[in-house]
ModelCIF file with pLDDT and N, C-alpha, C, O atoms, coordinates in Angstrom:
data_MODEL
#
_entry.id   MODEL 
#
_entity.id                         1 
_entity.type                       polymer 
_entity.pdbx_number_of_molecules   1 
#
_entity_poly.entity_id                      1 
_entity_poly.type                           'polypeptide(L)' 
_entity_poly.nstd_linkage                   no 
_entity_poly.nstd_monomer                   no 
_entity_poly.pdbx_seq_one_letter_code       IADGTVPWAGSETISAQEHLEEVIMLGVRLREGLAIADVERAAGH 
_entity_poly.pdbx_seq_one_letter_code_can   IADGTVPWAGSETISAQEHLEEVIMLGVRLREGLAIADVERAAGH 
_entity_poly.pdbx_strand_id                 A 
#
loop_
_entity_poly_seq.entity_id 
_entity_poly_seq.num 
_entity_poly_seq.mon_id 
_entity_poly_seq.hetero 
1 1  ILE n 
1 2  ALA n 
1 3  ASP n 
1 4  GLY n 
1 5  THR n 
1 6  VAL n 
1 7  PRO n 
1 8  TRP n 
1 9  ALA n 
1 10 GLY n 
1 11 SER n 
1 12 GLU n 
1 13 THR n 
1 14 ILE n 
1 15 SER n 
1 16 ALA n 
1 17 GLN n 
1 18 GLU n 
1 19 HIS n 
1 20 LEU n 
1 21 GLU n 
1 22 GLU n 
1 23 VAL n 
1 24 ILE n 
1 25 MET n 
1 26 LEU n 
1 27 GLY n 
1 28 VAL n 
1 29 ARG n 
1 30 LEU n 
1 31 ARG n 
1 32 GLU n 
1 33 GLY n 
1 34 LEU n 
1 35 ALA n 
1 36 ILE n 
1 37 ALA n 
1 38 ASP n 
1 39 VAL n 
1 40 GLU n 
1 41 ARG n 
1 42 ALA n 
1 43 ALA n 
1 44 GLY n 
1 45 HIS n 
#
_struct_asym.id          A 
_struct_asym.entity_id   1 
#
loop_
_ma_qa_metric.id 
_ma_qa_metric.mode 
_ma_qa_metric.name 
_ma_qa_metric.software_group_id 
_ma_qa_metric.type 
1 global pLDDT . pLDDT 
2 local  pLDDT . pLDDT 
#
_ma_qa_metric_global.metric_id      1 
_ma_qa_metric_global.metric_value   93.29 
_ma_qa_metric_global.model_id       1 
_ma_qa_metric_global.ordinal_id     1 
#
loop_
_ma_qa_metric_local.label_asym_id 
_ma_qa_metric_local.label_comp_id 
_ma_qa_metric_local.label_seq_id 
_ma_qa_metric_local.metric_id 
_ma_qa_metric_local.metric_value 
_ma_qa_metric_local.model_id 
_ma_qa_metric_local.ordinal_id 
A ILE 1  2 97.00 1 1  
A ALA 2  2 95.00 1 2  
A ASP 3  2 96.00 1 3  
A GLY 4  2 97.00 1 4  
A THR 5  2 97.00 1 5  
A VAL 6  2 98.00 1 6  
A PRO 7  2 97.00 1 7  
A TRP 8  2 98.00 1 8  
A ALA 9  2 98.00 1 9  
A GLY 10 2 97.00 1 10 
A SER 11 2 96.00 1 11 
A GLU 12 2 96.00 1 12 
A THR 13 2 94.00 1 13 
A ILE 14 2 92.00 1 14 
A SER 15 2 91.00 1 15 
A ALA 16 2 87.00 1 16 
A GLN 17 2 89.00 1 17 
A GLU 18 2 91.00 1 18 
A HIS 19 2 90.00 1 19 
A LEU 20 2 90.00 1 20 
A GLU 21 2 92.00 1 21 
A GLU 22 2 92.00 1 22 
A VAL 23 2 92.00 1 23 
A ILE 24 2 94.00 1 24 
A MET 25 2 95.00 1 25 
A LEU 26 2 94.00 1 26 
A GLY 27 2 95.00 1 27 
A VAL 28 2 95.00 1 28 
A ARG 29 2 95.00 1 29 
A LEU 30 2 97.00 1 30 
A ARG 31 2 96.00 1 31 
A GLU 32 2 95.00 1 32 
A GLY 33 2 95.00 1 33 
A LEU 34 2 95.00 1 34 
A ALA 35 2 94.00 1 35 
A ILE 36 2 93.00 1 36 
A ALA 37 2 93.00 1 37 
A ASP 38 2 91.00 1 38 
A VAL 39 2 91.00 1 39 
A GLU 40 2 90.00 1 40 
A ARG 41 2 89.00 1 41 
A ALA 42 2 87.00 1 42 
A ALA 43 2 86.00 1 43 
A GLY 44 2 88.00 1 44 
A HIS 45 2 88.00 1 45 
#
loop_
_atom_site.group_PDB 
_atom_site.id 
_atom_site.type_symbol 
_atom_site.label_atom_id 
_atom_site.label_alt_id 
_atom_site.label_comp_id 
_atom_site.label_asym_id 
_atom_site.label_entity_id 
_atom_site.label_seq_id 
_atom_site.pdbx_PDB_ins_code 
_atom_site.Cartn_x 
_atom_site.Cartn_y 
_atom_site.Cartn_z 
_atom_site.occupancy 
_atom_site.B_iso_or_equiv 
_atom_site.pdbx_formal_charge 
_atom_site.auth_seq_id 
_atom_site.auth_comp_id 
_atom_site.auth_asym_id 
_atom_site.auth_atom_id 
_atom_site.pdbx_PDB_model_num 
ATOM 1   N N  . ILE A 1 1  ? -113.465 8.996   91.938  1.00 97.00 ? 1  ILE A N  1 
ATOM 2   C CA . ILE A 1 1  ? -112.476 10.177  92.210  1.00 97.00 ? 1  ILE A CA 1 
ATOM 3   C C  . ILE A 1 1  ? -113.420 11.216  92.986  1.00 97.00 ? 1  ILE A C  1 
ATOM 4   O O  . ILE A 1 1  ? -113.264 11.515  94.170  1.00 97.00 ? 1  ILE A O  1 
ATOM 5   N N  . ALA A 1 2  ? -114.522 11.773  92.062  1.00 95.00 ? 2  ALA A N  1 
ATOM 6   C CA . ALA A 1 2  ? -115.446 12.641  92.377  1.00 95.00 ? 2  ALA A CA 1 
ATOM 7   C C  . ALA A 1 2  ? -116.295 12.298  93.772  1.00 95.00 ? 2  ALA A C  1 
ATOM 8   O O  . ALA A 1 2  ? -117.063 13.100  94.303  1.00 95.00 ? 2  ALA A O  1 
ATOM 9   N N  . ASP A 1 3  ? -116.032 11.051  94.229  1.00 96.00 ? 3  ASP A N  1 
ATOM 10  C CA . ASP A 1 3  ? -117.093 10.544  95.282  1.00 96.00 ? 3  ASP A CA 1 
ATOM 11  C C  . ASP A 1 3  ? -115.952 10.595  96.490  1.00 96.00 ? 3  ASP A C  1 
ATOM 12  O O  . ASP A 1 3  ? -116.294 10.318  97.639  1.00 96.00 ? 3  ASP A O  1 
ATOM 13  N N  . GLY A 1 4  ? -114.681 10.936  96.201  1.00 97.00 ? 4  GLY A N  1 
ATOM 14  C CA . GLY A 1 4  ? -113.640 11.135  97.095  1.00 97.00 ? 4  GLY A CA 1 
ATOM 15  C C  . GLY A 1 4  ? -112.974 9.860   97.803  1.00 97.00 ? 4  GLY A C  1 
ATOM 16  O O  . GLY A 1 4  ? -112.394 9.925   98.887  1.00 97.00 ? 4  GLY A O  1 
ATOM 17  N N  . THR A 1 5  ? -113.141 8.645   97.016  1.00 97.00 ? 5  THR A N  1 
ATOM 18  C CA . THR A 1 5  ? -112.252 7.615   97.218  1.00 97.00 ? 5  THR A CA 1 
ATOM 19  C C  . THR A 1 5  ? -111.336 7.220   96.379  1.00 97.00 ? 5  THR A C  1 
ATOM 20  O O  . THR A 1 5  ? -111.293 7.582   95.203  1.00 97.00 ? 5  THR A O  1 
ATOM 21  N N  . VAL A 1 6  ? -110.556 6.464   96.910  1.00 98.00 ? 6  VAL A N  1 
ATOM 22  C CA . VAL A 1 6  ? -109.412 5.845   95.942  1.00 98.00 ? 6  VAL A CA 1 
ATOM 23  C C  . VAL A 1 6  ? -110.079 5.144   94.917  1.00 98.00 ? 6  VAL A C  1 
ATOM 24  O O  . VAL A 1 6  ? -110.937 4.334   95.268  1.00 98.00 ? 6  VAL A O  1 
ATOM 25  N N  . PRO A 1 7  ? -109.823 5.315   93.591  1.00 97.00 ? 7  PRO A N  1 
ATOM 26  C CA . PRO A 1 7  ? -110.442 4.448   92.536  1.00 97.00 ? 7  PRO A CA 1 
ATOM 27  C C  . PRO A 1 7  ? -109.995 3.132   91.858  1.00 97.00 ? 7  PRO A C  1 
ATOM 28  O O  . PRO A 1 7  ? -109.802 2.875   90.669  1.00 97.00 ? 7  PRO A O  1 
ATOM 29  N N  . TRP A 1 8  ? -109.891 2.390   92.953  1.00 98.00 ? 8  TRP A N  1 
ATOM 30  C CA . TRP A 1 8  ? -109.332 0.944   93.070  1.00 98.00 ? 8  TRP A CA 1 
ATOM 31  C C  . TRP A 1 8  ? -110.592 -0.103  92.693  1.00 98.00 ? 8  TRP A C  1 
ATOM 32  O O  . TRP A 1 8  ? -111.637 -0.298  93.314  1.00 98.00 ? 8  TRP A O  1 
ATOM 33  N N  . ALA A 1 9  ? -110.138 -0.665  91.523  1.00 98.00 ? 9  ALA A N  1 
ATOM 34  C CA . ALA A 1 9  ? -111.512 -1.906  91.287  1.00 98.00 ? 9  ALA A CA 1 
ATOM 35  C C  . ALA A 1 9  ? -110.924 -3.007  92.491  1.00 98.00 ? 9  ALA A C  1 
ATOM 36  O O  . ALA A 1 9  ? -111.834 -3.561  93.107  1.00 98.00 ? 9  ALA A O  1 
ATOM 37  N N  . GLY A 1 10 ? -109.733 -3.335  92.841  1.00 97.00 ? 10 GLY A N  1 
ATOM 38  C CA . GLY A 1 10 ? -109.446 -4.419  93.657  1.00 97.00 ? 10 GLY A CA 1 
ATOM 39  C C  . GLY A 1 10 ? -107.990 -4.215  94.461  1.00 97.00 ? 10 GLY A C  1 
ATOM 40  O O  . GLY A 1 10 ? -107.326 -3.180  94.508  1.00 97.00 ? 10 GLY A O  1 
ATOM 41  N N  . SER A 1 11 ? -107.740 -5.301  94.980  1.00 96.00 ? 11 SER A N  1 
ATOM 42  C CA . SER A 1 11 ? -106.445 -5.164  95.639  1.00 96.00 ? 11 SER A CA 1 
ATOM 43  C C  . SER A 1 11 ? -106.170 -6.444  96.251  1.00 96.00 ? 11 SER A C  1 
ATOM 44  O O  . SER A 1 11 ? -107.208 -7.071  96.464  1.00 96.00 ? 11 SER A O  1 
ATOM 45  N N  . GLU A 1 12 ? -105.096 -7.046  96.608  1.00 96.00 ? 12 GLU A N  1 
ATOM 46  C CA . GLU A 1 12 ? -104.707 -8.306  97.321  1.00 96.00 ? 12 GLU A CA 1 
ATOM 47  C C  . GLU A 1 12 ? -103.492 -8.425  97.904  1.00 96.00 ? 12 GLU A C  1 
ATOM 48  O O  . GLU A 1 12 ? -102.439 -7.892  97.553  1.00 96.00 ? 12 GLU A O  1 
ATOM 49  N N  . THR A 1 13 ? -103.751 -9.351  99.060  1.00 94.00 ? 13 THR A N  1 
ATOM 50  C CA . THR A 1 13 ? -101.923 -9.107  99.578  1.00 94.00 ? 13 THR A CA 1 
ATOM 51  C C  . THR A 1 13 ? -101.366 -10.703 99.022  1.00 94.00 ? 13 THR A C  1 
ATOM 52  O O  . THR A 1 13 ? -101.948 -11.779 98.885  1.00 94.00 ? 13 THR A O  1 
ATOM 53  N N  . ILE A 1 14 ? -100.317 -10.368 98.848  1.00 92.00 ? 14 ILE A N  1 
ATOM 54  C CA . ILE A 1 14 ? -99.865  -11.510 98.151  1.00 92.00 ? 14 ILE A CA 1 
ATOM 55  C C  . ILE A 1 14 ? -99.055  -12.806 98.979  1.00 92.00 ? 14 ILE A C  1 
ATOM 56  O O  . ILE A 1 14 ? -97.939  -12.582 99.448  1.00 92.00 ? 14 ILE A O  1 
ATOM 57  N N  . SER A 1 15 ? -99.668  -14.122 99.122  1.00 91.00 ? 15 SER A N  1 
ATOM 58  C CA . SER A 1 15 ? -98.919  -14.827 99.908  1.00 91.00 ? 15 SER A CA 1 
ATOM 59  C C  . SER A 1 15 ? -97.747  -15.192 99.786  1.00 91.00 ? 15 SER A C  1 
ATOM 60  O O  . SER A 1 15 ? -97.194  -14.924 98.720  1.00 91.00 ? 15 SER A O  1 
ATOM 61  N N  . ALA A 1 16 ? -97.014  -15.897 100.803 1.00 87.00 ? 16 ALA A N  1 
ATOM 62  C CA . ALA A 1 16 ? -95.681  -16.274 100.986 1.00 87.00 ? 16 ALA A CA 1 
ATOM 63  C C  . ALA A 1 16 ? -95.404  -17.158 99.689  1.00 87.00 ? 16 ALA A C  1 
ATOM 64  O O  . ALA A 1 16 ? -94.307  -16.890 99.199  1.00 87.00 ? 16 ALA A O  1 
ATOM 65  N N  . GLN A 1 17 ? -96.010  -17.997 99.108  1.00 89.00 ? 17 GLN A N  1 
ATOM 66  C CA . GLN A 1 17 ? -95.684  -18.795 98.021  1.00 89.00 ? 17 GLN A CA 1 
ATOM 67  C C  . GLN A 1 17 ? -95.691  -17.605 96.818  1.00 89.00 ? 17 GLN A C  1 
ATOM 68  O O  . GLN A 1 17 ? -94.693  -17.337 96.149  1.00 89.00 ? 17 GLN A O  1 
ATOM 69  N N  . GLU A 1 18 ? -96.674  -17.109 96.706  1.00 91.00 ? 18 GLU A N  1 
ATOM 70  C CA . GLU A 1 18 ? -96.753  -15.986 95.495  1.00 91.00 ? 18 GLU A CA 1 
ATOM 71  C C  . GLU A 1 18 ? -95.684  -15.089 95.616  1.00 91.00 ? 18 GLU A C  1 
ATOM 72  O O  . GLU A 1 18 ? -95.139  -14.720 94.576  1.00 91.00 ? 18 GLU A O  1 
ATOM 73  N N  . HIS A 1 19 ? -95.280  -14.668 96.707  1.00 90.00 ? 19 HIS A N  1 
ATOM 74  C CA . HIS A 1 19 ? -94.048  -13.901 96.600  1.00 90.00 ? 19 HIS A CA 1 
ATOM 75  C C  . HIS A 1 19 ? -92.524  -14.301 96.047  1.00 90.00 ? 19 HIS A C  1 
ATOM 76  O O  . HIS A 1 19 ? -91.688  -13.728 95.348  1.00 90.00 ? 19 HIS A O  1 
ATOM 77  N N  . LEU A 1 20 ? -92.600  -15.473 96.669  1.00 90.00 ? 20 LEU A N  1 
ATOM 78  C CA . LEU A 1 20 ? -91.205  -16.546 96.033  1.00 90.00 ? 20 LEU A CA 1 
ATOM 79  C C  . LEU A 1 20 ? -91.431  -16.740 94.352  1.00 90.00 ? 20 LEU A C  1 
ATOM 80  O O  . LEU A 1 20 ? -90.600  -16.633 93.450  1.00 90.00 ? 20 LEU A O  1 
ATOM 81  N N  . GLU A 1 21 ? -92.602  -17.003 94.303  1.00 92.00 ? 21 GLU A N  1 
ATOM 82  C CA . GLU A 1 21 ? -92.643  -16.800 92.450  1.00 92.00 ? 21 GLU A CA 1 
ATOM 83  C C  . GLU A 1 21 ? -92.464  -15.747 91.925  1.00 92.00 ? 21 GLU A C  1 
ATOM 84  O O  . GLU A 1 21 ? -91.916  -15.748 90.823  1.00 92.00 ? 21 GLU A O  1 
ATOM 85  N N  . GLU A 1 22 ? -92.815  -14.652 92.458  1.00 92.00 ? 22 GLU A N  1 
ATOM 86  C CA . GLU A 1 22 ? -92.481  -13.509 91.886  1.00 92.00 ? 22 GLU A CA 1 
ATOM 87  C C  . GLU A 1 22 ? -91.117  -12.915 91.971  1.00 92.00 ? 22 GLU A C  1 
ATOM 88  O O  . GLU A 1 22 ? -90.720  -12.117 91.122  1.00 92.00 ? 22 GLU A O  1 
ATOM 89  N N  . VAL A 1 23 ? -90.452  -13.266 92.911  1.00 92.00 ? 23 VAL A N  1 
ATOM 90  C CA . VAL A 1 23 ? -89.027  -13.061 93.258  1.00 92.00 ? 23 VAL A CA 1 
ATOM 91  C C  . VAL A 1 23 ? -88.409  -13.858 92.108  1.00 92.00 ? 23 VAL A C  1 
ATOM 92  O O  . VAL A 1 23 ? -87.830  -13.121 91.311  1.00 92.00 ? 23 VAL A O  1 
ATOM 93  N N  . ILE A 1 24 ? -88.372  -15.170 91.798  1.00 94.00 ? 24 ILE A N  1 
ATOM 94  C CA . ILE A 1 24 ? -88.071  -15.896 90.789  1.00 94.00 ? 24 ILE A CA 1 
ATOM 95  C C  . ILE A 1 24 ? -88.472  -15.454 89.387  1.00 94.00 ? 24 ILE A C  1 
ATOM 96  O O  . ILE A 1 24 ? -87.642  -15.477 88.479  1.00 94.00 ? 24 ILE A O  1 
ATOM 97  N N  . MET A 1 25 ? -89.762  -15.042 89.187  1.00 95.00 ? 25 MET A N  1 
ATOM 98  C CA . MET A 1 25 ? -89.913  -14.528 87.694  1.00 95.00 ? 25 MET A CA 1 
ATOM 99  C C  . MET A 1 25 ? -89.223  -13.071 87.291  1.00 95.00 ? 25 MET A C  1 
ATOM 100 O O  . MET A 1 25 ? -88.761  -12.624 86.241  1.00 95.00 ? 25 MET A O  1 
ATOM 101 N N  . LEU A 1 26 ? -89.370  -12.575 88.572  1.00 94.00 ? 26 LEU A N  1 
ATOM 102 C CA . LEU A 1 26 ? -88.422  -11.260 88.466  1.00 94.00 ? 26 LEU A CA 1 
ATOM 103 C C  . LEU A 1 26 ? -87.038  -11.072 88.334  1.00 94.00 ? 26 LEU A C  1 
ATOM 104 O O  . LEU A 1 26 ? -86.602  -10.350 87.437  1.00 94.00 ? 26 LEU A O  1 
ATOM 105 N N  . GLY A 1 27 ? -86.359  -11.599 89.067  1.00 95.00 ? 27 GLY A N  1 
ATOM 106 C CA . GLY A 1 27 ? -85.111  -11.734 89.032  1.00 95.00 ? 27 GLY A CA 1 
ATOM 107 C C  . GLY A 1 27 ? -84.339  -12.472 87.834  1.00 95.00 ? 27 GLY A C  1 
ATOM 108 O O  . GLY A 1 27 ? -83.291  -11.992 87.401  1.00 95.00 ? 27 GLY A O  1 
ATOM 109 N N  . VAL A 1 28 ? -84.884  -13.646 87.314  1.00 95.00 ? 28 VAL A N  1 
ATOM 110 C CA . VAL A 1 28 ? -84.167  -14.143 85.978  1.00 95.00 ? 28 VAL A CA 1 
ATOM 111 C C  . VAL A 1 28 ? -84.502  -13.426 84.766  1.00 95.00 ? 28 VAL A C  1 
ATOM 112 O O  . VAL A 1 28 ? -84.214  -13.964 83.697  1.00 95.00 ? 28 VAL A O  1 
ATOM 113 N N  . ARG A 1 29 ? -85.105  -12.215 84.769  1.00 95.00 ? 29 ARG A N  1 
ATOM 114 C CA . ARG A 1 29 ? -85.203  -11.287 83.505  1.00 95.00 ? 29 ARG A CA 1 
ATOM 115 C C  . ARG A 1 29 ? -83.974  -10.357 83.725  1.00 95.00 ? 29 ARG A C  1 
ATOM 116 O O  . ARG A 1 29 ? -83.766  -9.452  82.917  1.00 95.00 ? 29 ARG A O  1 
ATOM 117 N N  . LEU A 1 30 ? -83.235  -10.530 84.684  1.00 97.00 ? 30 LEU A N  1 
ATOM 118 C CA . LEU A 1 30 ? -82.065  -9.324  84.936  1.00 97.00 ? 30 LEU A CA 1 
ATOM 119 C C  . LEU A 1 30 ? -80.645  -9.588  84.691  1.00 97.00 ? 30 LEU A C  1 
ATOM 120 O O  . LEU A 1 30 ? -80.049  -10.651 84.862  1.00 97.00 ? 30 LEU A O  1 
ATOM 121 N N  . ARG A 1 31 ? -80.193  -8.485  84.272  1.00 96.00 ? 31 ARG A N  1 
ATOM 122 C CA . ARG A 1 31 ? -78.594  -9.083  83.904  1.00 96.00 ? 31 ARG A CA 1 
ATOM 123 C C  . ARG A 1 31 ? -77.746  -9.109  85.122  1.00 96.00 ? 31 ARG A C  1 
ATOM 124 O O  . ARG A 1 31 ? -76.587  -9.517  85.058  1.00 96.00 ? 31 ARG A O  1 
ATOM 125 N N  . GLU A 1 32 ? -78.352  -8.630  86.385  1.00 95.00 ? 32 GLU A N  1 
ATOM 126 C CA . GLU A 1 32 ? -77.763  -8.726  87.946  1.00 95.00 ? 32 GLU A CA 1 
ATOM 127 C C  . GLU A 1 32 ? -78.273  -9.920  88.324  1.00 95.00 ? 32 GLU A C  1 
ATOM 128 O O  . GLU A 1 32 ? -77.746  -10.455 89.300  1.00 95.00 ? 32 GLU A O  1 
ATOM 129 N N  . GLY A 1 33 ? -79.224  -10.497 87.755  1.00 95.00 ? 33 GLY A N  1 
ATOM 130 C CA . GLY A 1 33 ? -79.527  -12.036 88.307  1.00 95.00 ? 33 GLY A CA 1 
ATOM 131 C C  . GLY A 1 33 ? -80.509  -12.073 89.479  1.00 95.00 ? 33 GLY A C  1 
ATOM 132 O O  . GLY A 1 33 ? -80.883  -11.075 90.094  1.00 95.00 ? 33 GLY A O  1 
ATOM 133 N N  . LEU A 1 34 ? -80.865  -13.264 89.706  1.00 95.00 ? 34 LEU A N  1 
ATOM 134 C CA . LEU A 1 34 ? -81.478  -13.493 91.021  1.00 95.00 ? 34 LEU A CA 1 
ATOM 135 C C  . LEU A 1 34 ? -80.771  -14.314 91.906  1.00 95.00 ? 34 LEU A C  1 
ATOM 136 O O  . LEU A 1 34 ? -80.535  -15.517 91.792  1.00 95.00 ? 34 LEU A O  1 
ATOM 137 N N  . ALA A 1 35 ? -80.425  -13.460 92.896  1.00 94.00 ? 35 ALA A N  1 
ATOM 138 C CA . ALA A 1 35 ? -79.682  -13.664 94.047  1.00 94.00 ? 35 ALA A CA 1 
ATOM 139 C C  . ALA A 1 35 ? -80.553  -14.929 94.827  1.00 94.00 ? 35 ALA A C  1 
ATOM 140 O O  . ALA A 1 35 ? -81.732  -14.951 95.181  1.00 94.00 ? 35 ALA A O  1 
ATOM 141 N N  . ILE A 1 36 ? -79.486  -15.960 94.944  1.00 93.00 ? 36 ILE A N  1 
ATOM 142 C CA . ILE A 1 36 ? -80.158  -17.125 95.563  1.00 93.00 ? 36 ILE A CA 1 
ATOM 143 C C  . ILE A 1 36 ? -80.365  -16.982 96.977  1.00 93.00 ? 36 ILE A C  1 
ATOM 144 O O  . ILE A 1 36 ? -81.050  -17.748 97.655  1.00 93.00 ? 36 ILE A O  1 
ATOM 145 N N  . ALA A 1 37 ? -79.668  -15.843 97.450  1.00 93.00 ? 37 ALA A N  1 
ATOM 146 C CA . ALA A 1 37 ? -79.908  -15.357 99.209  1.00 93.00 ? 37 ALA A CA 1 
ATOM 147 C C  . ALA A 1 37 ? -81.445  -15.069 98.933  1.00 93.00 ? 37 ALA A C  1 
ATOM 148 O O  . ALA A 1 37 ? -82.226  -15.819 99.519  1.00 93.00 ? 37 ALA A O  1 
ATOM 149 N N  . ASP A 1 38 ? -81.932  -14.174 98.195  1.00 91.00 ? 38 ASP A N  1 
ATOM 150 C CA . ASP A 1 38 ? -83.187  -13.741 97.981  1.00 91.00 ? 38 ASP A CA 1 
ATOM 151 C C  . ASP A 1 38 ? -84.443  -14.983 97.849  1.00 91.00 ? 38 ASP A C  1 
ATOM 152 O O  . ASP A 1 38 ? -85.574  -14.885 98.323  1.00 91.00 ? 38 ASP A O  1 
ATOM 153 N N  . VAL A 1 39 ? -84.013  -15.894 97.244  1.00 91.00 ? 39 VAL A N  1 
ATOM 154 C CA . VAL A 1 39 ? -84.906  -17.151 97.056  1.00 91.00 ? 39 VAL A CA 1 
ATOM 155 C C  . VAL A 1 39 ? -85.061  -17.823 98.582  1.00 91.00 ? 39 VAL A C  1 
ATOM 156 O O  . VAL A 1 39 ? -86.113  -18.073 99.171  1.00 91.00 ? 39 VAL A O  1 
ATOM 157 N N  . GLU A 1 40 ? -83.604  -18.050 99.068  1.00 90.00 ? 40 GLU A N  1 
ATOM 158 C CA . GLU A 1 40 ? -83.579  -18.656 100.497 1.00 90.00 ? 40 GLU A CA 1 
ATOM 159 C C  . GLU A 1 40 ? -84.450  -18.100 101.312 1.00 90.00 ? 40 GLU A C  1 
ATOM 160 O O  . GLU A 1 40 ? -85.236  -18.764 101.987 1.00 90.00 ? 40 GLU A O  1 
ATOM 161 N N  . ARG A 1 41 ? -84.380  -16.692 101.321 1.00 89.00 ? 41 ARG A N  1 
ATOM 162 C CA . ARG A 1 41 ? -85.383  -15.878 102.380 1.00 89.00 ? 41 ARG A CA 1 
ATOM 163 C C  . ARG A 1 41 ? -86.397  -15.785 101.991 1.00 89.00 ? 41 ARG A C  1 
ATOM 164 O O  . ARG A 1 41 ? -87.276  -15.482 102.798 1.00 89.00 ? 41 ARG A O  1 
ATOM 165 N N  . ALA A 1 42 ? -86.714  -15.978 100.724 1.00 87.00 ? 42 ALA A N  1 
ATOM 166 C CA . ALA A 1 42 ? -88.599  -16.208 100.734 1.00 87.00 ? 42 ALA A CA 1 
ATOM 167 C C  . ALA A 1 42 ? -88.907  -17.618 100.910 1.00 87.00 ? 42 ALA A C  1 
ATOM 168 O O  . ALA A 1 42 ? -90.009  -17.898 101.380 1.00 87.00 ? 42 ALA A O  1 
ATOM 169 N N  . ALA A 1 43 ? -88.031  -18.627 100.577 1.00 86.00 ? 43 ALA A N  1 
ATOM 170 C CA . ALA A 1 43 ? -88.527  -19.857 100.809 1.00 86.00 ? 43 ALA A CA 1 
ATOM 171 C C  . ALA A 1 43 ? -88.515  -20.440 102.373 1.00 86.00 ? 43 ALA A C  1 
ATOM 172 O O  . ALA A 1 43 ? -89.212  -21.357 102.805 1.00 86.00 ? 43 ALA A O  1 
ATOM 173 N N  . GLY A 1 44 ? -87.509  -19.637 103.112 1.00 88.00 ? 44 GLY A N  1 
ATOM 174 C CA . GLY A 1 44 ? -87.382  -19.880 104.491 1.00 88.00 ? 44 GLY A CA 1 
ATOM 175 C C  . GLY A 1 44 ? -86.553  -20.859 104.625 1.00 88.00 ? 44 GLY A C  1 
ATOM 176 O O  . GLY A 1 44 ? -86.636  -21.330 105.759 1.00 88.00 ? 44 GLY A O  1 
ATOM 177 N N  . HIS A 1 45 ? -85.606  -21.502 103.815 1.00 88.00 ? 45 HIS A N  1 
ATOM 178 C CA . HIS A 1 45 ? -84.533  -22.414 104.026 1.00 88.00 ? 45 HIS A CA 1 
ATOM 179 C C  . HIS A 1 45 ? -83.388  -22.628 102.912 1.00 88.00 ? 45 HIS A C  1 
ATOM 180 O O  . HIS A 1 45 ? -82.469  -23.422 103.115 1.00 88.00 ? 45 HIS A O  1 
#
């Protein structure tokens, strides 16, 4: 921060496969549930 840079150790872009996995892992923890339409959108079919 003193050097004027964002103090990140690293970053990553989430792949389509990782995005699908995250949609599933996050959604099935919730009472509102995992919307199947969200899975289809992430899976592409």
